[in-house]
Amino acid sequence: MPLLQNRYVTHEIHKMGAELFIATALTMIREAFPRTKIHAFGAGGTRTFPAVVYFGADSGDSIGWRQAAGFGSIFLPLKSQRAVIWNPAKKAPRKLLGAHDLEQLQNCRCPACIPNKSIADKLRALQGSFYNRSIHNAWTIENQFRYWPKTRSKMKDFIAEGNLGAQWANAVFRLSS
């Protein structure tokens, strides 16, 4: 899925948009091979996995959890990365944790967060250790399906409402018409 990171793409794909291209490809592959297991290599993070599964993948993998941890970010289910450490003299490289994010983090049951009772302790643990961010991110990727809408129809509505980003919503709209 390097297309999602705006790596090299052909003019046609760039014009179409990576998300629509991937959604179209997965839909076509699923229609052509309905009983075949489809794996999305490098499927990204917590906003990409549910989309590629909705569009036809059975599984996926990613190194994104490790890369995010290395750059001071954490994953939260169904959201983009959130920065927990950065050079305060510069603008944060990612979105920062908001009130709803802190509520999710407070309820996190990953091995890095469980020993820390308060949100302040959880944040200190995540800010102070690449290891803790890595464990948190890997656990979030592994367990995120618990937060997904429970039916295909509800997943379609969830994506169409823009909850995974405008480009995935556009892909749902374009492929549903």
N, C-alpha and C. Protein backbone atom coordinates (compact mmCIF):
# COMPACT_ATOMS: atom_id res chain seq x y z
N MET A 1 0.79 -1.20 0.00
CA MET A 1 0.00 0.00 0.00
C MET A 1 0.84 1.27 0.00
N PRO A 2 2.04 1.26 -0.56
CA PRO A 2 2.82 2.49 -0.58
C PRO A 2 2.10 3.62 -1.29
N LEU A 3 1.10 3.30 -2.08
CA LEU A 3 0.32 4.34 -2.75
C LEU A 3 -0.27 5.33 -1.75
N LEU A 4 -0.62 4.84 -0.59
CA LEU A 4 -1.25 5.69 0.41
C LEU A 4 -0.26 6.67 1.04
N GLN A 5 1.01 6.41 0.88
CA GLN A 5 2.01 7.31 1.44
C GLN A 5 2.53 8.27 0.39
N ASN A 6 1.80 8.39 -0.71
CA ASN A 6 2.16 9.29 -1.80
C ASN A 6 3.54 9.01 -2.36
N ARG A 7 3.88 7.75 -2.39
CA ARG A 7 5.12 7.36 -3.05
C ARG A 7 4.85 7.38 -4.55
N TYR A 8 5.76 6.85 -5.33
CA TYR A 8 5.63 6.90 -6.78
C TYR A 8 4.29 6.31 -7.23
N VAL A 9 3.57 7.08 -7.99
CA VAL A 9 2.33 6.61 -8.60
C VAL A 9 2.28 7.12 -10.03
N THR A 10 1.62 6.39 -10.89
CA THR A 10 1.47 6.84 -12.26
C THR A 10 0.51 8.03 -12.29
N HIS A 11 0.51 8.73 -13.37
CA HIS A 11 -0.37 9.90 -13.53
C HIS A 11 -1.83 9.49 -13.37
N GLU A 12 -2.20 8.33 -13.93
CA GLU A 12 -3.59 7.87 -13.85
C GLU A 12 -4.01 7.60 -12.41
N ILE A 13 -3.13 6.97 -11.66
CA ILE A 13 -3.46 6.67 -10.26
C ILE A 13 -3.50 7.97 -9.46
N HIS A 14 -2.54 8.85 -9.71
CA HIS A 14 -2.51 10.12 -8.99
C HIS A 14 -3.81 10.89 -9.23
N LYS A 15 -4.27 10.91 -10.46
CA LYS A 15 -5.51 11.60 -10.82
C LYS A 15 -6.72 10.95 -10.13
N MET A 16 -6.72 9.63 -10.08
CA MET A 16 -7.83 8.88 -9.49
C MET A 16 -7.82 8.98 -7.96
N GLY A 17 -6.66 8.99 -7.37
CA GLY A 17 -6.51 8.96 -5.92
C GLY A 17 -6.19 7.55 -5.46
N ALA A 18 -5.24 7.45 -4.56
CA ALA A 18 -4.77 6.14 -4.11
C ALA A 18 -5.89 5.30 -3.50
N GLU A 19 -6.73 5.92 -2.67
CA GLU A 19 -7.79 5.16 -2.00
C GLU A 19 -8.78 4.58 -3.00
N LEU A 20 -9.19 5.39 -3.98
CA LEU A 20 -10.13 4.90 -4.99
C LEU A 20 -9.49 3.81 -5.84
N PHE A 21 -8.22 3.98 -6.17
CA PHE A 21 -7.52 2.96 -6.95
C PHE A 21 -7.48 1.64 -6.18
N ILE A 22 -7.10 1.70 -4.92
CA ILE A 22 -7.00 0.48 -4.10
C ILE A 22 -8.38 -0.15 -3.92
N ALA A 23 -9.39 0.67 -3.63
CA ALA A 23 -10.76 0.15 -3.46
C ALA A 23 -11.24 -0.52 -4.74
N THR A 24 -10.98 0.11 -5.88
CA THR A 24 -11.39 -0.46 -7.16
C THR A 24 -10.68 -1.77 -7.43
N ALA A 25 -9.37 -1.79 -7.20
CA ALA A 25 -8.59 -3.02 -7.43
C ALA A 25 -9.07 -4.15 -6.54
N LEU A 26 -9.27 -3.87 -5.25
CA LEU A 26 -9.73 -4.92 -4.33
C LEU A 26 -11.13 -5.41 -4.71
N THR A 27 -12.00 -4.50 -5.10
CA THR A 27 -13.36 -4.88 -5.51
C THR A 27 -13.31 -5.78 -6.74
N MET A 28 -12.49 -5.42 -7.72
CA MET A 28 -12.38 -6.22 -8.94
C MET A 28 -11.79 -7.60 -8.66
N ILE A 29 -10.75 -7.63 -7.82
CA ILE A 29 -10.12 -8.92 -7.48
C ILE A 29 -11.12 -9.80 -6.74
N ARG A 30 -11.85 -9.21 -5.78
CA ARG A 30 -12.84 -9.99 -5.01
C ARG A 30 -13.93 -10.53 -5.93
N GLU A 31 -14.40 -9.73 -6.89
CA GLU A 31 -15.44 -10.18 -7.82
C GLU A 31 -14.91 -11.30 -8.72
N ALA A 32 -13.66 -11.19 -9.15
CA ALA A 32 -13.08 -12.21 -10.03
C ALA A 32 -12.75 -13.50 -9.29
N PHE A 33 -12.38 -13.38 -8.01
CA PHE A 33 -11.98 -14.54 -7.22
C PHE A 33 -12.71 -14.54 -5.88
N PRO A 34 -14.01 -14.84 -5.88
CA PRO A 34 -14.82 -14.68 -4.66
C PRO A 34 -14.42 -15.56 -3.48
N ARG A 35 -13.78 -16.69 -3.73
CA ARG A 35 -13.43 -17.60 -2.63
C ARG A 35 -11.94 -17.57 -2.28
N THR A 36 -11.18 -16.75 -2.96
CA THR A 36 -9.74 -16.66 -2.73
C THR A 36 -9.46 -15.73 -1.55
N LYS A 37 -8.47 -16.10 -0.75
CA LYS A 37 -8.05 -15.23 0.34
C LYS A 37 -7.19 -14.10 -0.24
N ILE A 38 -7.53 -12.87 0.09
CA ILE A 38 -6.80 -11.70 -0.39
C ILE A 38 -6.10 -11.04 0.79
N HIS A 39 -4.80 -10.85 0.65
CA HIS A 39 -3.99 -10.22 1.70
C HIS A 39 -3.48 -8.87 1.18
N ALA A 40 -3.67 -7.81 1.96
CA ALA A 40 -3.21 -6.47 1.59
C ALA A 40 -1.87 -6.22 2.29
N PHE A 41 -0.80 -6.35 1.54
CA PHE A 41 0.53 -6.11 2.10
C PHE A 41 0.71 -4.62 2.37
N GLY A 42 1.26 -4.30 3.54
CA GLY A 42 1.52 -2.90 3.87
C GLY A 42 0.27 -2.06 3.95
N ALA A 43 -0.77 -2.61 4.56
CA ALA A 43 -2.08 -1.95 4.55
C ALA A 43 -2.17 -0.74 5.47
N GLY A 44 -1.10 -0.37 6.11
CA GLY A 44 -1.12 0.90 6.84
C GLY A 44 -1.56 0.79 8.27
N GLY A 45 -2.50 1.62 8.65
CA GLY A 45 -2.87 1.74 10.05
C GLY A 45 -4.33 1.54 10.31
N THR A 46 -4.77 2.16 11.37
CA THR A 46 -6.10 1.92 11.91
C THR A 46 -7.23 2.51 11.08
N ARG A 47 -6.92 3.39 10.13
CA ARG A 47 -7.96 3.89 9.22
C ARG A 47 -7.93 3.14 7.90
N THR A 48 -6.84 2.48 7.58
CA THR A 48 -6.73 1.77 6.32
C THR A 48 -7.25 0.34 6.42
N PHE A 49 -6.91 -0.36 7.49
CA PHE A 49 -7.32 -1.75 7.62
C PHE A 49 -8.82 -1.96 7.46
N PRO A 50 -9.68 -1.21 8.16
CA PRO A 50 -11.11 -1.46 7.98
C PRO A 50 -11.57 -1.19 6.55
N ALA A 51 -10.98 -0.21 5.89
CA ALA A 51 -11.37 0.10 4.52
C ALA A 51 -10.98 -1.03 3.57
N VAL A 52 -9.74 -1.53 3.66
CA VAL A 52 -9.34 -2.59 2.72
C VAL A 52 -10.12 -3.88 2.99
N VAL A 53 -10.48 -4.12 4.23
CA VAL A 53 -11.32 -5.30 4.52
C VAL A 53 -12.71 -5.09 3.93
N TYR A 54 -13.27 -3.90 4.10
CA TYR A 54 -14.58 -3.64 3.52
C TYR A 54 -14.56 -3.84 2.00
N PHE A 55 -13.51 -3.39 1.34
CA PHE A 55 -13.45 -3.48 -0.12
C PHE A 55 -13.01 -4.85 -0.63
N GLY A 56 -12.71 -5.79 0.26
CA GLY A 56 -12.49 -7.15 -0.20
C GLY A 56 -11.31 -7.92 0.35
N ALA A 57 -10.39 -7.27 1.05
CA ALA A 57 -9.26 -8.01 1.61
C ALA A 57 -9.71 -8.84 2.82
N ASP A 58 -9.07 -9.98 2.98
CA ASP A 58 -9.36 -10.83 4.15
C ASP A 58 -8.40 -10.54 5.29
N SER A 59 -7.22 -10.05 4.94
CA SER A 59 -6.20 -9.78 5.95
C SER A 59 -5.25 -8.73 5.41
N GLY A 60 -4.38 -8.27 6.29
CA GLY A 60 -3.40 -7.28 5.90
C GLY A 60 -2.27 -7.27 6.91
N ASP A 61 -1.22 -6.56 6.58
CA ASP A 61 -0.12 -6.40 7.52
C ASP A 61 0.44 -4.99 7.35
N SER A 62 1.29 -4.60 8.26
CA SER A 62 1.84 -3.26 8.20
C SER A 62 3.02 -3.14 9.14
N ILE A 63 3.94 -2.28 8.79
CA ILE A 63 5.03 -1.90 9.68
C ILE A 63 4.73 -0.52 10.28
N GLY A 64 3.57 0.03 9.93
CA GLY A 64 3.20 1.38 10.37
C GLY A 64 3.21 1.55 11.87
N TRP A 65 2.85 0.53 12.62
CA TRP A 65 2.83 0.62 14.08
C TRP A 65 4.21 0.94 14.63
N ARG A 66 5.22 0.32 14.02
CA ARG A 66 6.61 0.51 14.46
C ARG A 66 7.13 1.88 14.03
N GLN A 67 6.82 2.26 12.78
CA GLN A 67 7.27 3.56 12.28
C GLN A 67 6.64 4.70 13.08
N ALA A 68 5.36 4.59 13.36
CA ALA A 68 4.68 5.62 14.14
C ALA A 68 5.33 5.76 15.52
N ALA A 69 5.61 4.64 16.16
CA ALA A 69 6.24 4.66 17.48
C ALA A 69 7.60 5.35 17.42
N GLY A 70 8.35 5.07 16.37
CA GLY A 70 9.67 5.67 16.22
C GLY A 70 9.62 7.17 16.03
N PHE A 71 8.51 7.66 15.48
CA PHE A 71 8.36 9.10 15.27
C PHE A 71 7.53 9.76 16.37
N GLY A 72 7.31 9.04 17.48
CA GLY A 72 6.63 9.64 18.63
C GLY A 72 5.12 9.66 18.56
N SER A 73 4.54 8.77 17.75
CA SER A 73 3.09 8.75 17.59
C SER A 73 2.49 7.43 18.06
N ILE A 74 1.22 7.50 18.41
CA ILE A 74 0.49 6.30 18.79
C ILE A 74 -0.74 6.15 17.89
N PHE A 75 -1.23 4.92 17.83
CA PHE A 75 -2.45 4.61 17.10
C PHE A 75 -3.60 4.53 18.10
N LEU A 76 -4.76 4.95 17.64
CA LEU A 76 -6.01 4.73 18.34
C LEU A 76 -6.96 4.10 17.34
N PRO A 77 -7.84 3.20 17.77
CA PRO A 77 -8.73 2.53 16.83
C PRO A 77 -9.52 3.50 15.96
N LEU A 78 -9.50 3.23 14.64
CA LEU A 78 -10.27 3.97 13.64
C LEU A 78 -9.90 5.45 13.50
N LYS A 79 -8.69 5.80 13.94
CA LYS A 79 -8.24 7.19 13.86
C LYS A 79 -6.85 7.24 13.24
N SER A 80 -6.48 8.44 12.79
CA SER A 80 -5.12 8.64 12.30
C SER A 80 -4.17 8.67 13.51
N GLN A 81 -2.88 8.64 13.22
CA GLN A 81 -1.88 8.67 14.29
C GLN A 81 -2.01 9.95 15.11
N ARG A 82 -1.64 9.85 16.37
CA ARG A 82 -1.63 11.01 17.26
C ARG A 82 -0.22 11.15 17.84
N ALA A 83 0.35 12.35 17.75
CA ALA A 83 1.68 12.60 18.29
C ALA A 83 1.61 12.69 19.81
N VAL A 84 2.52 12.01 20.48
CA VAL A 84 2.62 12.14 21.93
C VAL A 84 3.95 12.79 22.33
N ILE A 85 4.93 12.78 21.41
CA ILE A 85 6.17 13.52 21.64
C ILE A 85 6.58 14.23 20.35
N TRP A 86 7.15 15.40 20.50
CA TRP A 86 7.67 16.17 19.37
C TRP A 86 8.50 17.31 19.94
N ASN A 87 9.24 17.94 19.09
CA ASN A 87 10.04 19.09 19.48
C ASN A 87 9.09 20.29 19.62
N PRO A 88 8.86 20.78 20.83
CA PRO A 88 7.89 21.85 21.03
C PRO A 88 8.24 23.15 20.30
N ALA A 89 9.48 23.30 19.86
CA ALA A 89 9.86 24.49 19.11
C ALA A 89 9.29 24.45 17.70
N LYS A 90 8.85 23.27 17.28
CA LYS A 90 8.27 23.09 15.95
C LYS A 90 6.81 22.68 16.08
N LYS A 91 6.10 22.83 14.99
CA LYS A 91 4.70 22.39 14.94
C LYS A 91 4.68 20.86 15.06
N ALA A 92 3.71 20.33 15.77
CA ALA A 92 3.59 18.87 15.91
C ALA A 92 3.43 18.24 14.53
N PRO A 93 4.13 17.12 14.27
CA PRO A 93 4.08 16.49 12.95
C PRO A 93 2.77 15.77 12.66
N ARG A 94 2.01 15.50 13.66
CA ARG A 94 0.74 14.78 13.54
C ARG A 94 -0.30 15.49 14.40
N LYS A 95 -1.53 15.01 14.26
CA LYS A 95 -2.58 15.50 15.16
C LYS A 95 -2.18 15.19 16.59
N LEU A 96 -2.60 16.03 17.50
CA LEU A 96 -2.36 15.79 18.92
C LEU A 96 -3.59 15.12 19.53
N LEU A 97 -3.42 14.58 20.70
CA LEU A 97 -4.52 13.92 21.39
C LEU A 97 -5.57 14.94 21.82
N GLY A 98 -6.82 14.70 21.45
CA GLY A 98 -7.94 15.53 21.88
C GLY A 98 -8.66 14.88 23.04
N ALA A 99 -9.72 15.51 23.51
CA ALA A 99 -10.47 15.01 24.67
C ALA A 99 -11.01 13.60 24.44
N HIS A 100 -11.61 13.34 23.26
CA HIS A 100 -12.14 12.00 22.98
C HIS A 100 -11.01 10.98 22.88
N ASP A 101 -9.86 11.41 22.35
CA ASP A 101 -8.69 10.52 22.27
C ASP A 101 -8.21 10.13 23.66
N LEU A 102 -8.20 11.11 24.57
CA LEU A 102 -7.75 10.83 25.94
C LEU A 102 -8.70 9.86 26.63
N GLU A 103 -9.99 9.97 26.32
CA GLU A 103 -10.98 9.04 26.88
C GLU A 103 -10.69 7.62 26.38
N GLN A 104 -10.40 7.50 25.07
CA GLN A 104 -10.05 6.19 24.52
C GLN A 104 -8.78 5.66 25.17
N LEU A 105 -7.79 6.53 25.31
CA LEU A 105 -6.52 6.12 25.91
C LEU A 105 -6.72 5.69 27.36
N GLN A 106 -7.58 6.40 28.08
CA GLN A 106 -7.85 6.04 29.48
C GLN A 106 -8.39 4.61 29.57
N ASN A 107 -9.16 4.20 28.58
CA ASN A 107 -9.76 2.86 28.58
C ASN A 107 -8.90 1.81 27.88
N CYS A 108 -7.71 2.19 27.43
CA CYS A 108 -6.85 1.26 26.71
C CYS A 108 -6.43 0.09 27.61
N ARG A 109 -6.50 -1.11 27.06
CA ARG A 109 -6.17 -2.33 27.82
C ARG A 109 -4.88 -2.98 27.33
N CYS A 110 -4.06 -2.23 26.59
CA CYS A 110 -2.81 -2.82 26.08
C CYS A 110 -1.81 -3.02 27.22
N PRO A 111 -0.82 -3.89 27.02
CA PRO A 111 0.16 -4.16 28.07
C PRO A 111 0.97 -2.93 28.51
N ALA A 112 1.12 -1.94 27.64
CA ALA A 112 1.87 -0.74 28.02
C ALA A 112 1.02 0.22 28.85
N CYS A 113 -0.28 0.21 28.63
CA CYS A 113 -1.17 1.15 29.33
C CYS A 113 -1.77 0.58 30.61
N ILE A 114 -2.01 -0.72 30.65
CA ILE A 114 -2.69 -1.36 31.79
C ILE A 114 -2.05 -1.04 33.15
N PRO A 115 -0.71 -1.10 33.27
CA PRO A 115 -0.14 -0.84 34.60
C PRO A 115 -0.31 0.61 35.07
N ASN A 116 -0.62 1.50 34.16
CA ASN A 116 -0.74 2.93 34.49
C ASN A 116 -2.21 3.28 34.70
N LYS A 117 -2.54 3.71 35.87
CA LYS A 117 -3.94 3.96 36.22
C LYS A 117 -4.45 5.29 35.68
N SER A 118 -3.69 6.35 35.84
CA SER A 118 -4.18 7.67 35.42
C SER A 118 -3.78 7.95 33.97
N ILE A 119 -4.48 8.88 33.35
CA ILE A 119 -4.15 9.28 31.99
C ILE A 119 -2.77 9.92 31.96
N ALA A 120 -2.43 10.66 32.99
CA ALA A 120 -1.10 11.30 33.07
C ALA A 120 -0.01 10.23 33.09
N ASP A 121 -0.22 9.15 33.85
CA ASP A 121 0.76 8.06 33.90
C ASP A 121 0.87 7.36 32.55
N LYS A 122 -0.27 7.14 31.90
CA LYS A 122 -0.25 6.50 30.57
C LYS A 122 0.52 7.37 29.58
N LEU A 123 0.24 8.66 29.59
CA LEU A 123 0.94 9.57 28.68
C LEU A 123 2.44 9.59 28.96
N ARG A 124 2.83 9.64 30.23
CA ARG A 124 4.26 9.61 30.58
C ARG A 124 4.92 8.34 30.06
N ALA A 125 4.22 7.21 30.22
CA ALA A 125 4.78 5.93 29.76
C ALA A 125 4.94 5.93 28.24
N LEU A 126 3.97 6.45 27.52
CA LEU A 126 4.02 6.48 26.06
C LEU A 126 5.02 7.52 25.55
N GLN A 127 5.09 8.66 26.22
CA GLN A 127 6.02 9.70 25.80
C GLN A 127 7.47 9.30 26.08
N GLY A 128 7.67 8.54 27.13
CA GLY A 128 9.03 8.24 27.56
C GLY A 128 9.67 7.01 26.96
N SER A 129 8.93 6.25 26.16
CA SER A 129 9.50 4.99 25.72
C SER A 129 9.00 4.56 24.34
N PHE A 130 9.95 4.40 23.43
CA PHE A 130 9.64 3.83 22.12
C PHE A 130 9.02 2.44 22.30
N TYR A 131 9.57 1.68 23.23
CA TYR A 131 9.07 0.33 23.52
C TYR A 131 7.58 0.38 23.88
N ASN A 132 7.20 1.27 24.78
CA ASN A 132 5.79 1.37 25.18
C ASN A 132 4.90 1.79 24.01
N ARG A 133 5.37 2.75 23.20
CA ARG A 133 4.58 3.16 22.03
C ARG A 133 4.43 2.01 21.05
N SER A 134 5.51 1.25 20.85
CA SER A 134 5.46 0.10 19.93
C SER A 134 4.47 -0.95 20.41
N ILE A 135 4.54 -1.28 21.69
CA ILE A 135 3.61 -2.26 22.27
C ILE A 135 2.18 -1.76 22.13
N HIS A 136 1.96 -0.51 22.49
CA HIS A 136 0.62 0.08 22.39
C HIS A 136 0.11 0.00 20.94
N ASN A 137 0.93 0.42 19.99
CA ASN A 137 0.50 0.45 18.58
C ASN A 137 0.24 -0.94 18.03
N ALA A 138 1.13 -1.88 18.32
CA ALA A 138 0.93 -3.25 17.83
C ALA A 138 -0.35 -3.84 18.43
N TRP A 139 -0.58 -3.61 19.71
CA TRP A 139 -1.79 -4.11 20.37
C TRP A 139 -3.03 -3.48 19.74
N THR A 140 -2.97 -2.17 19.46
CA THR A 140 -4.12 -1.47 18.86
C THR A 140 -4.43 -2.05 17.49
N ILE A 141 -3.41 -2.26 16.67
CA ILE A 141 -3.62 -2.86 15.34
C ILE A 141 -4.25 -4.24 15.49
N GLU A 142 -3.73 -5.04 16.40
CA GLU A 142 -4.20 -6.42 16.59
C GLU A 142 -5.64 -6.47 17.10
N ASN A 143 -6.03 -5.50 17.89
CA ASN A 143 -7.35 -5.55 18.55
C ASN A 143 -8.36 -4.55 18.03
N GLN A 144 -8.02 -3.79 17.01
CA GLN A 144 -8.90 -2.72 16.54
C GLN A 144 -10.25 -3.20 16.02
N PHE A 145 -10.31 -4.43 15.50
CA PHE A 145 -11.57 -4.93 14.94
C PHE A 145 -12.71 -4.87 15.96
N ARG A 146 -12.39 -4.86 17.23
CA ARG A 146 -13.42 -4.77 18.28
C ARG A 146 -14.19 -3.45 18.21
N TYR A 147 -13.59 -2.45 17.58
CA TYR A 147 -14.20 -1.12 17.47
C TYR A 147 -14.90 -0.91 16.14
N TRP A 148 -14.76 -1.85 15.23
CA TRP A 148 -15.35 -1.71 13.90
C TRP A 148 -16.86 -1.90 13.95
N PRO A 149 -17.57 -1.27 13.03
CA PRO A 149 -19.00 -1.59 12.90
C PRO A 149 -19.16 -3.09 12.66
N LYS A 150 -20.23 -3.66 13.17
CA LYS A 150 -20.36 -5.13 13.21
C LYS A 150 -20.87 -5.77 11.92
N THR A 151 -21.45 -4.99 11.03
CA THR A 151 -21.94 -5.58 9.78
C THR A 151 -21.31 -4.85 8.59
N ARG A 152 -21.36 -5.50 7.44
CA ARG A 152 -20.82 -4.89 6.22
C ARG A 152 -21.58 -3.61 5.88
N SER A 153 -22.88 -3.62 6.04
CA SER A 153 -23.71 -2.45 5.76
C SER A 153 -23.34 -1.28 6.67
N LYS A 154 -23.15 -1.58 7.96
CA LYS A 154 -22.77 -0.52 8.90
C LYS A 154 -21.36 -0.02 8.63
N MET A 155 -20.47 -0.91 8.17
CA MET A 155 -19.11 -0.49 7.81
C MET A 155 -19.17 0.45 6.61
N LYS A 156 -20.02 0.10 5.63
CA LYS A 156 -20.17 0.98 4.46
C LYS A 156 -20.63 2.36 4.90
N ASP A 157 -21.64 2.43 5.75
CA ASP A 157 -22.15 3.72 6.23
C ASP A 157 -21.06 4.47 7.01
N PHE A 158 -20.34 3.76 7.83
CA PHE A 158 -19.27 4.36 8.64
C PHE A 158 -18.22 5.01 7.74
N ILE A 159 -17.80 4.28 6.71
CA ILE A 159 -16.80 4.82 5.78
C ILE A 159 -17.40 5.96 4.97
N ALA A 160 -18.62 5.78 4.47
CA ALA A 160 -19.28 6.80 3.65
C ALA A 160 -19.47 8.11 4.40
N GLU A 161 -19.62 8.04 5.71
CA GLU A 161 -19.79 9.25 6.53
C GLU A 161 -18.47 10.00 6.73
N GLY A 162 -17.37 9.45 6.21
CA GLY A 162 -16.08 10.12 6.30
C GLY A 162 -15.28 9.78 7.54
N ASN A 163 -15.70 8.77 8.27
CA ASN A 163 -15.00 8.43 9.52
C ASN A 163 -13.59 7.89 9.32
N LEU A 164 -13.26 7.43 8.12
CA LEU A 164 -11.90 6.97 7.82
C LEU A 164 -11.19 7.96 6.91
N GLY A 165 -11.82 9.09 6.67
CA GLY A 165 -11.25 10.12 5.82
C GLY A 165 -12.08 10.31 4.56
N ALA A 166 -11.95 11.49 3.99
CA ALA A 166 -12.75 11.86 2.83
C ALA A 166 -12.46 11.00 1.61
N GLN A 167 -11.22 10.57 1.44
CA GLN A 167 -10.87 9.79 0.25
C GLN A 167 -11.50 8.40 0.27
N TRP A 168 -11.55 7.76 1.44
CA TRP A 168 -12.23 6.46 1.53
C TRP A 168 -13.73 6.64 1.35
N ALA A 169 -14.29 7.73 1.88
CA ALA A 169 -15.72 8.02 1.68
C ALA A 169 -16.01 8.19 0.20
N ASN A 170 -15.14 8.89 -0.51
CA ASN A 170 -15.29 9.07 -1.95
C ASN A 170 -15.26 7.72 -2.67
N ALA A 171 -14.38 6.83 -2.23
CA ALA A 171 -14.29 5.50 -2.86
C ALA A 171 -15.60 4.73 -2.68
N VAL A 172 -16.20 4.79 -1.49
CA VAL A 172 -17.48 4.13 -1.26
C VAL A 172 -18.54 4.71 -2.19
N PHE A 173 -18.60 6.02 -2.26
CA PHE A 173 -19.58 6.71 -3.09
C PHE A 173 -19.40 6.31 -4.57
N ARG A 174 -18.17 6.36 -5.06
CA ARG A 174 -17.91 6.10 -6.47
C ARG A 174 -18.18 4.64 -6.84
N LEU A 175 -17.88 3.72 -5.93
CA LEU A 175 -18.07 2.30 -6.24
C LEU A 175 -19.49 1.83 -5.94
N SER A 176 -20.28 2.64 -5.25
CA SER A 176 -21.67 2.27 -4.97
C SER A 176 -22.62 2.79 -6.03
N SER A 177 -22.16 3.76 -6.84
CA SER A 177 -23.07 4.34 -7.83
C SER A 177 -23.14 3.53 -9.09
